N, C-alpha and C. Protein backbone atom coordinates (compact mmCIF):
# COMPACT_ATOMS: atom_id res chain seq x y z
N MET A 1 13.85 -57.40 3.73
CA MET A 1 13.46 -56.45 2.72
C MET A 1 12.22 -55.70 3.21
N GLU A 2 12.25 -54.40 3.16
CA GLU A 2 11.13 -53.56 3.59
C GLU A 2 10.01 -53.56 2.55
N ASP A 3 8.80 -53.21 2.98
CA ASP A 3 7.66 -53.15 2.06
C ASP A 3 7.96 -52.25 0.87
N SER A 4 8.57 -51.11 1.14
CA SER A 4 8.86 -50.18 0.04
C SER A 4 9.81 -50.79 -0.98
N GLN A 5 10.74 -51.60 -0.52
CA GLN A 5 11.67 -52.27 -1.44
C GLN A 5 10.94 -53.31 -2.28
N VAL A 6 10.04 -54.04 -1.64
CA VAL A 6 9.26 -55.05 -2.37
C VAL A 6 8.38 -54.36 -3.42
N LEU A 7 7.72 -53.29 -3.01
CA LEU A 7 6.87 -52.56 -3.94
C LEU A 7 7.67 -51.95 -5.09
N ASN A 8 8.86 -51.48 -4.80
CA ASN A 8 9.73 -50.93 -5.84
C ASN A 8 10.13 -52.02 -6.83
N HIS A 9 10.43 -53.20 -6.32
CA HIS A 9 10.79 -54.32 -7.18
C HIS A 9 9.60 -54.73 -8.04
N ILE A 10 8.40 -54.74 -7.46
CA ILE A 10 7.18 -55.05 -8.21
C ILE A 10 7.00 -54.04 -9.34
N LYS A 11 7.23 -52.77 -9.03
CA LYS A 11 7.10 -51.72 -10.04
C LYS A 11 8.07 -51.95 -11.19
N ASN A 12 9.32 -52.26 -10.87
CA ASN A 12 10.32 -52.51 -11.90
C ASN A 12 9.97 -53.72 -12.76
N LEU A 13 9.52 -54.78 -12.13
CA LEU A 13 9.13 -55.97 -12.87
C LEU A 13 7.94 -55.69 -13.78
N THR A 14 6.98 -54.93 -13.27
CA THR A 14 5.79 -54.59 -14.05
C THR A 14 6.17 -53.76 -15.27
N GLU A 15 7.11 -52.85 -15.10
CA GLU A 15 7.57 -52.04 -16.23
C GLU A 15 8.22 -52.92 -17.30
N LYS A 16 9.04 -53.89 -16.88
CA LYS A 16 9.66 -54.81 -17.82
C LYS A 16 8.59 -55.63 -18.55
N GLU A 17 7.60 -56.09 -17.78
CA GLU A 17 6.52 -56.89 -18.35
C GLU A 17 5.74 -56.08 -19.39
N GLU A 18 5.40 -54.85 -19.04
CA GLU A 18 4.65 -54.00 -19.97
C GLU A 18 5.45 -53.71 -21.24
N LYS A 19 6.75 -53.52 -21.09
CA LYS A 19 7.61 -53.26 -22.25
C LYS A 19 7.60 -54.46 -23.20
N LEU A 20 7.70 -55.66 -22.63
CA LEU A 20 7.69 -56.86 -23.47
C LEU A 20 6.33 -57.06 -24.15
N TRP A 21 5.25 -56.85 -23.40
CA TRP A 21 3.91 -57.02 -23.98
C TRP A 21 3.64 -55.96 -25.04
N GLY A 22 4.32 -54.83 -24.98
CA GLY A 22 4.12 -53.76 -25.93
C GLY A 22 4.78 -54.00 -27.28
N LYS A 23 5.62 -55.01 -27.36
CA LYS A 23 6.29 -55.32 -28.61
C LYS A 23 5.32 -55.99 -29.59
N GLU A 24 5.53 -55.76 -30.88
CA GLU A 24 4.66 -56.37 -31.88
C GLU A 24 4.90 -57.86 -32.00
N ASN A 25 6.15 -58.25 -32.11
CA ASN A 25 6.49 -59.67 -32.25
C ASN A 25 7.34 -60.09 -31.07
N ILE A 26 6.81 -61.04 -30.31
CA ILE A 26 7.52 -61.52 -29.13
C ILE A 26 8.21 -62.84 -29.47
N THR A 27 9.50 -62.90 -29.20
CA THR A 27 10.26 -64.11 -29.46
C THR A 27 10.00 -65.14 -28.36
N ASP A 28 10.43 -66.38 -28.62
CA ASP A 28 10.30 -67.43 -27.60
C ASP A 28 11.08 -67.05 -26.34
N GLU A 29 12.23 -66.45 -26.52
CA GLU A 29 13.03 -66.02 -25.37
C GLU A 29 12.27 -64.98 -24.54
N GLU A 30 11.58 -64.08 -25.22
CA GLU A 30 10.81 -63.04 -24.51
C GLU A 30 9.59 -63.64 -23.82
N VAL A 31 9.00 -64.66 -24.43
CA VAL A 31 7.89 -65.36 -23.77
C VAL A 31 8.38 -66.00 -22.48
N ASN A 32 9.58 -66.58 -22.52
CA ASN A 32 10.17 -67.16 -21.31
C ASN A 32 10.44 -66.08 -20.27
N LYS A 33 10.93 -64.93 -20.71
CA LYS A 33 11.16 -63.82 -19.79
C LYS A 33 9.85 -63.38 -19.13
N LEU A 34 8.79 -63.29 -19.93
CA LEU A 34 7.48 -62.91 -19.38
C LEU A 34 7.02 -63.92 -18.33
N HIS A 35 7.23 -65.19 -18.62
CA HIS A 35 6.84 -66.23 -17.67
C HIS A 35 7.63 -66.08 -16.36
N ASN A 36 8.93 -65.85 -16.48
CA ASN A 36 9.77 -65.68 -15.28
C ASN A 36 9.40 -64.42 -14.50
N ILE A 37 9.05 -63.36 -15.21
CA ILE A 37 8.61 -62.13 -14.55
C ILE A 37 7.33 -62.39 -13.77
N LYS A 38 6.39 -63.13 -14.39
CA LYS A 38 5.13 -63.45 -13.71
C LYS A 38 5.40 -64.22 -12.42
N LEU A 39 6.28 -65.20 -12.50
CA LEU A 39 6.60 -65.98 -11.31
C LEU A 39 7.24 -65.12 -10.22
N GLU A 40 8.15 -64.26 -10.62
CA GLU A 40 8.81 -63.38 -9.64
C GLU A 40 7.82 -62.39 -9.05
N LEU A 41 6.89 -61.89 -9.86
CA LEU A 41 5.85 -61.00 -9.34
C LEU A 41 4.99 -61.73 -8.32
N ASP A 42 4.62 -62.98 -8.62
CA ASP A 42 3.83 -63.77 -7.67
C ASP A 42 4.58 -63.91 -6.34
N GLN A 43 5.88 -64.15 -6.41
CA GLN A 43 6.69 -64.27 -5.19
C GLN A 43 6.69 -62.96 -4.41
N CYS A 44 6.84 -61.85 -5.12
CA CYS A 44 6.89 -60.55 -4.45
C CYS A 44 5.56 -60.23 -3.78
N TRP A 45 4.46 -60.46 -4.49
CA TRP A 45 3.15 -60.19 -3.90
C TRP A 45 2.91 -61.08 -2.68
N ASP A 46 3.33 -62.33 -2.76
CA ASP A 46 3.19 -63.23 -1.63
C ASP A 46 4.00 -62.73 -0.43
N LEU A 47 5.22 -62.30 -0.68
CA LEU A 47 6.07 -61.77 0.39
C LEU A 47 5.42 -60.53 1.02
N LEU A 48 4.89 -59.66 0.20
CA LEU A 48 4.24 -58.46 0.71
C LEU A 48 3.01 -58.82 1.56
N ARG A 49 2.22 -59.80 1.10
CA ARG A 49 1.06 -60.24 1.89
C ARG A 49 1.50 -60.84 3.22
N GLN A 50 2.58 -61.63 3.20
CA GLN A 50 3.10 -62.20 4.45
C GLN A 50 3.50 -61.09 5.42
N ARG A 51 4.23 -60.11 4.92
CA ARG A 51 4.70 -59.00 5.76
C ARG A 51 3.52 -58.26 6.38
N ARG A 52 2.51 -57.99 5.57
CA ARG A 52 1.33 -57.27 6.07
C ARG A 52 0.57 -58.09 7.10
N ALA A 53 0.44 -59.39 6.85
CA ALA A 53 -0.27 -60.26 7.79
C ALA A 53 0.48 -60.33 9.13
N LEU A 54 1.78 -60.46 9.07
CA LEU A 54 2.56 -60.49 10.32
C LEU A 54 2.42 -59.17 11.07
N ARG A 55 2.49 -58.07 10.36
CA ARG A 55 2.36 -56.75 10.99
C ARG A 55 0.97 -56.62 11.64
N ASP A 56 -0.08 -57.04 10.90
CA ASP A 56 -1.44 -56.96 11.43
C ASP A 56 -1.63 -57.83 12.67
N ALA A 57 -0.86 -58.91 12.75
CA ALA A 57 -0.94 -59.82 13.90
C ALA A 57 -0.04 -59.38 15.04
N GLY A 58 0.61 -58.23 14.88
CA GLY A 58 1.49 -57.73 15.92
C GLY A 58 2.86 -58.39 15.92
N GLU A 59 3.20 -59.07 14.86
CA GLU A 59 4.49 -59.75 14.74
C GLU A 59 5.46 -58.90 13.93
N ASN A 60 6.69 -59.32 13.92
CA ASN A 60 7.73 -58.64 13.16
C ASN A 60 7.61 -59.02 11.68
N PRO A 61 7.36 -58.06 10.80
CA PRO A 61 7.22 -58.38 9.37
C PRO A 61 8.50 -58.91 8.74
N ASN A 62 9.63 -58.69 9.41
CA ASN A 62 10.90 -59.19 8.88
C ASN A 62 11.03 -60.71 9.01
N LYS A 63 10.08 -61.33 9.69
CA LYS A 63 10.06 -62.79 9.78
C LYS A 63 9.59 -63.41 8.46
N ALA A 64 8.96 -62.61 7.61
CA ALA A 64 8.46 -63.10 6.32
C ALA A 64 9.63 -63.43 5.41
N GLY A 65 9.42 -64.41 4.58
CA GLY A 65 10.45 -64.80 3.63
C GLY A 65 9.84 -65.21 2.30
N ALA A 66 10.61 -65.05 1.25
CA ALA A 66 10.14 -65.44 -0.07
C ALA A 66 9.96 -66.95 -0.11
N ARG A 67 8.80 -67.37 -0.59
CA ARG A 67 8.53 -68.80 -0.73
C ARG A 67 8.95 -69.25 -2.12
N ASP A 68 9.21 -70.55 -2.24
CA ASP A 68 9.62 -71.06 -3.54
C ASP A 68 8.43 -71.04 -4.51
N ILE A 69 8.75 -71.03 -5.77
CA ILE A 69 7.73 -70.91 -6.83
C ILE A 69 6.71 -72.04 -6.75
N ASP A 70 7.16 -73.27 -6.50
CA ASP A 70 6.23 -74.40 -6.45
C ASP A 70 5.17 -74.19 -5.38
N THR A 71 5.55 -73.67 -4.25
CA THR A 71 4.59 -73.41 -3.17
C THR A 71 3.56 -72.37 -3.61
N ILE A 72 4.04 -71.29 -4.18
CA ILE A 72 3.15 -70.20 -4.58
C ILE A 72 2.23 -70.63 -5.71
N GLU A 73 2.75 -71.35 -6.68
CA GLU A 73 1.97 -71.74 -7.84
C GLU A 73 0.90 -72.78 -7.50
N ASN A 74 1.05 -73.45 -6.36
CA ASN A 74 0.07 -74.47 -5.98
C ASN A 74 -0.99 -73.95 -5.01
N TYR A 75 -1.00 -72.64 -4.74
CA TYR A 75 -2.04 -72.07 -3.90
C TYR A 75 -3.38 -72.23 -4.58
N LYS A 76 -4.39 -72.46 -3.80
CA LYS A 76 -5.74 -72.50 -4.35
C LYS A 76 -6.26 -71.09 -4.41
N GLN A 77 -6.87 -70.73 -5.51
CA GLN A 77 -7.41 -69.39 -5.70
C GLN A 77 -8.77 -69.28 -5.07
């Protein structure tokens, strides 16, 4: 997946997230959707950072791959 594709997916997810947050009353199902969107956004941002780091190191950015949620969620901030 190219950087532009990852960024496009991030944009689409962000639009969905904003639409849900813009609602007056959010259902439990929508709260779950927001949670899943957040996780998917974290994966996308991680993939984009991997691609950029590989490119900066002179490596092929296509070597980057999406990491599982557990790995991403356990990163130290």
